[in-house]
């Protein structure tokens, strides 16, 4: 049994969340998946001194109506799509709601810099927590202000705003990176995009993890060895996709620095992460966190956990 081919999108009425919605809509149209838009809200409470330390809950009528208005706006924005669209207003913490719902979807999408929208919600927390704990791959779409102006993702005049032409994936030889590479291949095939695999080796004289190497070490040899390792992983994946071409780069620098730099000219960056259990400690590894914070283009995060779950369900 496989999951429904539906994209989950969290919205809060902010420009950032609507920009992410546009990206999700473009992807759903491209791959012919459905789209599920969710607006969640938490009912605030305050301590009432007159109730001997008890709590008095605010009337949630206005908040619920606000959430419904946000959802209606989002659905109206998708009115021209030719794929199924559904919407849900949910109560609860946005990150928790989306993590739970992600187990029933094949992809989740959220935006960053979600300021000024419904109840002044900040999507920053959601865009960090969801990729780490989601049961499916997550795309985090950065919003950069006026340059990401309101558009209609379904217009048919040939001007596709959210088209992905170039994808960059970080590969460091770990099992998690190979998982990311396989998902990047899937995205490249879905979009018909160019795919570039990048491995970073911090050999510079700065604080790189290999800066301690003796001066007589042949840095070029180190780069060649890493390139050979990258070729092994890429060729193994390409054996299942012989029609695809993957460009390969091994460069001096950390993975986070290189992927952030490549994001300037890419349309999608793909990173893998071991992730963490629960909501304590680090949410994602340092590389994936850094890329999420600084990337200029959408970032697809795939954790080992979500990939294992998807494989188990496909095999069932």
Protein backbone atom coordinates (compact mmCIF):
# COMPACT_ATOMS: atom_id res chain seq x y z
CA UNK A 1 0.00 0.00 0.00
CA UNK A 2 1.35 3.42 -0.95
CA UNK A 3 0.36 6.82 0.32
CA UNK A 4 -2.03 9.07 -1.58
CA UNK A 5 -0.21 11.27 -4.07
CA UNK A 6 -1.21 14.49 -2.35
CA UNK A 7 0.86 17.56 -1.40
CA UNK A 8 0.28 18.91 2.12
CA UNK A 9 0.61 22.70 2.46
CA UNK A 10 0.46 24.78 5.63
CA UNK A 11 -0.89 28.33 5.29
CA UNK A 12 -1.43 31.16 7.75
CA UNK A 13 -2.41 34.00 5.42
CA UNK A 14 1.07 35.52 5.29
CA UNK A 15 2.78 36.36 2.03
CA UNK A 16 5.39 33.69 2.78
CA UNK A 17 2.84 30.92 3.23
CA UNK A 18 0.94 31.94 0.09
CA UNK A 19 4.20 31.96 -1.84
CA UNK A 20 4.81 28.39 -0.63
CA UNK A 21 1.27 27.54 -1.66
CA UNK A 22 2.04 28.74 -5.19
CA UNK A 23 5.10 26.48 -5.31
CA UNK A 24 3.07 23.52 -4.09
CA UNK A 25 0.38 24.24 -6.67
CA UNK A 26 2.91 24.34 -9.49
CA UNK A 27 4.39 21.02 -8.34
CA UNK A 28 0.98 19.37 -7.94
CA UNK A 29 0.01 20.43 -11.46
CA UNK A 30 3.33 19.18 -12.80
CA UNK A 31 3.07 15.69 -11.31
CA UNK A 32 -0.74 15.50 -11.34
CA UNK A 33 -1.08 15.12 -7.57
CA UNK A 34 -3.82 16.46 -5.37
CA UNK A 35 -3.20 19.29 -2.92
CA UNK A 36 -4.37 19.57 0.70
CA UNK A 37 -4.27 23.04 2.26
CA UNK A 38 -4.28 23.26 6.05
CA UNK A 39 -4.67 26.29 8.32
CA UNK A 40 -4.28 25.52 12.01
CA UNK A 41 -4.77 27.67 15.07
CA UNK A 42 -4.22 27.27 18.79
CA UNK A 43 -6.76 28.57 21.27
CA UNK A 44 -4.93 30.97 23.59
CA UNK A 45 -5.64 31.09 27.30
CA UNK A 46 -4.71 33.43 30.11
CA UNK A 47 -4.53 33.14 33.84
CA UNK A 48 -7.58 34.65 35.51
CA UNK A 49 -6.66 35.91 38.98
CA UNK A 50 -10.30 35.90 40.00
CA UNK A 51 -10.46 32.16 39.33
CA UNK A 52 -7.96 31.26 42.06
CA UNK A 53 -5.16 30.51 39.64
CA UNK A 54 -7.35 28.75 37.10
CA UNK A 55 -7.33 29.44 33.39
CA UNK A 56 -9.96 31.28 31.40
CA UNK A 57 -10.11 30.41 27.71
CA UNK A 58 -10.76 33.07 25.12
CA UNK A 59 -13.76 32.69 22.85
CA UNK A 60 -12.40 30.97 19.78
CA UNK A 61 -15.21 32.03 17.45
CA UNK A 62 -13.34 34.96 15.92
CA UNK A 63 -10.11 32.96 15.69
CA UNK A 64 -11.84 30.07 13.97
CA UNK A 65 -13.52 32.47 11.54
CA UNK A 66 -10.13 34.03 10.80
CA UNK A 67 -8.64 30.64 10.08
CA UNK A 68 -11.53 29.80 7.78
CA UNK A 69 -11.04 33.10 5.93
CA UNK A 70 -7.37 32.27 5.43
CA UNK A 71 -8.30 28.85 4.08
CA UNK A 72 -10.93 30.33 1.77
CA UNK A 73 -8.36 32.76 0.39
CA UNK A 74 -5.94 29.92 -0.24
CA UNK A 75 -8.54 27.76 -1.99
CA UNK A 76 -9.59 30.71 -4.12
CA UNK A 77 -5.96 31.10 -5.15
CA UNK A 78 -6.06 27.51 -6.41
CA UNK A 79 -9.37 27.83 -8.23
CA UNK A 80 -7.84 27.30 -11.68
CA UNK A 81 -5.94 24.14 -10.82
CA UNK A 82 -6.91 20.97 -12.66
CA UNK A 83 -5.98 18.65 -9.79
CA UNK A 84 -8.09 17.85 -6.70
CA UNK A 85 -7.94 20.48 -3.94
CA UNK A 86 -9.11 20.03 -0.36
CA UNK A 87 -8.87 22.32 2.64
CA UNK A 88 -8.88 21.82 6.41
CA UNK A 89 -9.03 24.10 9.42
CA UNK A 90 -7.35 22.32 12.33
CA UNK A 91 -6.87 23.21 15.98
CA UNK A 92 -3.48 22.79 17.56
CA UNK A 93 0.11 23.86 17.17
CA UNK A 94 0.90 24.33 13.48
CA UNK A 95 4.07 22.23 13.53
CA UNK A 96 2.42 19.41 15.45
CA UNK A 97 -0.63 19.39 13.19
CA UNK A 98 1.45 19.28 10.01
CA UNK A 99 3.79 16.59 11.37
CA UNK A 100 0.81 14.38 12.21
CA UNK A 101 -0.87 14.95 8.84
CA UNK A 102 2.39 14.33 6.97
CA UNK A 103 1.99 10.60 7.61
CA UNK A 104 -0.91 10.64 5.15
CA UNK A 105 0.81 12.62 2.38
CA UNK A 106 3.68 12.14 -0.05
CA UNK A 107 5.14 15.66 0.25
CA UNK A 108 4.79 18.59 2.65
CA UNK A 109 5.40 22.25 1.77
CA UNK A 110 5.76 25.29 4.05
CA UNK A 111 7.09 28.80 3.71
CA UNK A 112 9.54 30.85 5.74
CA UNK A 113 9.31 34.41 7.06
CA UNK A 114 5.60 34.01 7.69
CA UNK A 115 5.09 37.40 9.31
CA UNK A 116 2.08 39.63 9.26
CA UNK A 117 -0.45 36.96 8.42
CA UNK A 118 -3.19 35.31 10.44
CA UNK A 119 -2.65 36.06 14.17
CA UNK A 120 0.87 37.28 13.36
CA UNK A 121 2.05 33.69 13.27
CA UNK A 122 5.73 33.07 12.59
CA UNK A 123 6.40 30.18 10.25
CA UNK A 124 10.04 30.10 11.31
CA UNK A 125 9.36 27.49 13.98
CA UNK A 126 7.25 25.38 11.65
CA UNK A 127 9.80 25.49 8.84
CA UNK A 128 12.44 24.15 11.22
CA UNK A 129 10.38 21.57 13.09
CA UNK A 130 8.40 20.10 10.21
CA UNK A 131 11.35 18.97 8.05
CA UNK A 132 12.95 17.29 11.06
CA UNK A 133 9.91 15.33 12.18
CA UNK A 134 7.70 14.94 9.10
CA UNK A 135 6.79 11.47 7.90
CA UNK A 136 7.33 12.55 4.30
CA UNK A 137 9.88 14.77 2.49
CA UNK A 138 9.39 18.48 3.14
CA UNK A 139 9.98 21.48 0.88
CA UNK A 140 10.70 24.78 2.62
CA UNK A 141 10.10 27.75 0.30
CA UNK A 142 11.85 31.01 1.24
CA UNK A 143 10.03 34.29 0.71
CA UNK A 144 12.15 37.25 -0.32
CA UNK A 145 9.65 40.06 -0.36
CA UNK A 146 8.53 41.93 -3.44
CA UNK A 147 10.68 39.87 -5.81
CA UNK A 148 8.39 36.94 -4.93
CA UNK A 149 5.23 38.88 -5.71
CA UNK A 150 1.74 37.44 -5.86
CA UNK A 151 1.23 35.28 -8.94
CA UNK A 152 -1.26 32.84 -10.33
CA UNK A 153 0.48 29.43 -10.48
CA UNK A 154 -2.10 27.98 -12.84
CA UNK A 155 -2.05 30.60 -15.58
CA UNK A 156 -1.62 29.19 -19.05
CA UNK A 157 0.32 31.95 -20.78
CA UNK A 158 3.56 29.94 -20.70
CA UNK A 159 5.11 32.03 -17.93
CA UNK A 160 5.65 29.33 -15.29
CA UNK A 161 6.86 31.17 -12.22
CA UNK A 162 7.73 28.15 -10.08
CA UNK A 163 9.33 25.98 -12.73
CA UNK A 164 12.31 23.96 -11.50
CA UNK A 165 15.04 23.81 -14.13
CA UNK A 166 18.13 23.13 -12.02
CA UNK A 167 18.38 20.97 -8.89
CA UNK A 168 21.43 20.73 -6.62
CA UNK A 169 21.87 17.91 -4.10
CA UNK A 170 24.50 17.58 -1.40
CA UNK A 171 26.28 14.22 -1.29
CA UNK A 172 28.84 13.40 1.40
CA UNK A 173 29.06 9.63 1.11
CA UNK A 174 26.70 8.90 4.01
CA UNK A 175 23.58 6.70 3.68
CA UNK A 176 21.49 9.80 4.37
CA UNK A 177 23.09 11.63 1.44
CA UNK A 178 22.34 8.71 -0.87
CA UNK A 179 18.71 8.91 0.24
CA UNK A 180 18.75 12.62 -0.66
CA UNK A 181 20.29 11.82 -4.04
CA UNK A 182 17.55 9.32 -4.86
CA UNK A 183 14.86 11.85 -4.00
CA UNK A 184 16.69 14.50 -6.03
CA UNK A 185 16.61 12.11 -9.00
CA UNK A 186 12.84 11.79 -8.55
CA UNK A 187 12.46 15.56 -8.54
CA UNK A 188 14.68 15.92 -11.61
CA UNK A 189 12.56 13.42 -13.51
CA UNK A 190 9.33 15.07 -12.38
CA UNK A 191 10.43 18.54 -13.47
CA UNK A 192 12.64 17.54 -16.40
CA UNK A 193 15.40 19.44 -14.63
CA UNK A 194 19.18 19.38 -14.70
CA UNK A 195 20.64 17.64 -11.65
CA UNK A 196 23.96 18.55 -10.02
CA UNK A 197 25.54 16.52 -7.19
CA UNK A 198 27.91 18.49 -4.97
CA UNK A 199 30.42 17.19 -2.41
CA UNK A 200 32.27 19.62 -0.19
CA UNK A 201 35.75 19.05 1.26
CA UNK A 202 36.87 21.86 3.63
CA UNK A 203 40.56 21.83 2.78
CA UNK A 204 41.19 25.57 3.11
CA UNK A 205 43.52 27.13 5.63
CA UNK A 206 40.62 28.30 7.78
CA UNK A 207 38.77 26.36 10.42
CA UNK A 208 37.71 23.54 8.12
CA UNK A 209 37.56 20.07 9.62
CA UNK A 210 40.52 19.01 7.47
CA UNK A 211 42.65 22.06 8.22
CA UNK A 212 44.66 19.97 10.70
CA UNK A 213 46.07 17.82 7.89
CA UNK A 214 49.89 17.93 7.66
CA UNK A 215 51.13 20.31 4.99
CA UNK A 216 52.71 17.45 3.06
CA UNK A 217 49.31 15.88 2.44
CA UNK A 218 48.36 16.16 -1.23
CA UNK A 219 45.09 18.09 -1.15
CA UNK A 220 44.49 17.33 -4.80
CA UNK A 221 44.69 13.64 -3.97
CA UNK A 222 42.11 14.11 -1.21
CA UNK A 223 39.77 15.81 -3.69
CA UNK A 224 40.36 13.00 -6.20
CA UNK A 225 39.53 10.39 -3.56
CA UNK A 226 36.31 12.19 -2.64
CA UNK A 227 35.41 12.48 -6.32
CA UNK A 228 35.93 8.74 -6.75
CA UNK A 229 33.59 8.13 -3.81
CA UNK A 230 31.01 10.50 -5.28
CA UNK A 231 31.20 8.69 -8.61
CA UNK A 232 30.49 5.36 -6.91
CA UNK A 233 27.32 6.69 -5.27
CA UNK A 234 26.08 8.56 -8.33
CA UNK A 235 26.78 5.65 -10.68
CA UNK A 236 24.93 3.29 -8.35
CA UNK A 237 21.85 5.50 -8.46
CA UNK A 238 22.16 6.09 -12.21
CA UNK A 239 22.12 2.34 -12.83
CA UNK A 240 18.40 2.55 -12.04
CA UNK A 241 17.93 5.68 -14.17
CA UNK A 242 20.12 5.22 -17.26
CA UNK A 243 18.35 8.00 -19.16
CA UNK A 244 19.38 10.63 -16.60
CA UNK A 245 22.57 12.68 -16.52
CA UNK A 246 23.97 13.94 -13.22
CA UNK A 247 26.69 16.57 -13.17
CA UNK A 248 29.22 16.18 -10.36
CA UNK A 249 31.31 18.72 -8.47
CA UNK A 250 33.80 18.16 -5.65
CA UNK A 251 34.88 21.52 -4.26
CA UNK A 252 36.83 23.03 -1.41
CA UNK A 253 34.39 24.14 1.24
CA UNK A 254 31.78 22.87 3.68
CA UNK A 255 28.60 21.30 2.37
CA UNK A 256 26.45 24.06 3.88
CA UNK A 257 28.54 26.83 2.34
CA UNK A 258 28.57 25.24 -1.10
CA UNK A 259 24.88 24.39 -1.19
CA UNK A 260 23.98 27.90 -0.06
CA UNK A 261 26.20 29.32 -2.79
CA UNK A 262 24.69 27.02 -5.41
CA UNK A 263 21.19 28.03 -4.28
CA UNK A 264 21.78 31.41 -5.92
CA UNK A 265 21.59 29.75 -9.35
CA UNK A 266 19.41 26.73 -8.53
CA UNK A 267 15.65 26.28 -8.33
CA UNK A 268 15.71 23.52 -5.71
CA UNK A 269 18.33 22.29 -3.22
CA UNK A 270 17.99 18.78 -1.80
CA UNK A 271 19.57 17.76 1.51
CA UNK A 272 19.36 14.68 3.65
CA UNK A 273 19.29 14.60 7.43
CA UNK A 274 19.40 11.90 10.05
CA UNK A 275 16.90 13.98 12.00
CA UNK A 276 16.19 13.57 15.70
CA UNK A 277 13.50 11.79 17.67
CA UNK A 278 11.13 13.90 19.73
CA UNK A 279 11.22 17.64 20.03
CA UNK A 280 14.25 17.81 22.31
CA UNK A 281 17.78 18.59 21.20
CA UNK A 282 18.76 19.52 17.68
CA UNK A 283 16.01 19.31 15.11
CA UNK A 284 18.23 18.77 12.10
CA UNK A 285 21.91 18.32 11.44
CA UNK A 286 24.05 21.45 11.18
CA UNK A 287 24.31 21.28 7.38
CA UNK A 288 20.58 21.02 6.73
CA UNK A 289 19.82 23.70 9.32
CA UNK A 290 22.33 26.08 7.76
CA UNK A 291 21.01 25.47 4.24
CA UNK A 292 17.42 26.03 5.38
CA UNK A 293 18.36 29.33 7.00
CA UNK A 294 20.39 30.74 4.13
CA UNK A 295 19.21 29.16 0.86
CA UNK A 296 17.93 31.53 -1.80
CA UNK A 297 15.72 28.84 -3.36
CA UNK A 298 13.35 26.15 -2.04
CA UNK A 299 14.98 23.34 -0.06
CA UNK A 300 13.78 19.73 -0.04
CA UNK A 301 14.70 17.95 3.20
CA UNK A 302 14.59 14.17 3.41
CA UNK A 303 15.24 12.43 6.72
CA UNK A 304 16.20 8.79 7.11
CA UNK A 305 13.07 8.25 9.17
CA UNK A 306 10.61 9.48 6.56
CA UNK A 307 12.41 7.62 3.78
CA UNK A 308 12.33 4.35 5.72
CA UNK A 309 8.63 4.81 6.42
CA UNK A 310 7.87 5.45 2.74
CA UNK A 311 9.86 2.39 1.68
CA UNK A 312 8.15 0.19 4.25
CA UNK A 313 4.72 1.32 3.11
CA UNK A 314 5.60 0.77 -0.56
CA UNK A 315 6.72 -2.75 0.22
CA UNK A 316 3.62 -3.58 2.24
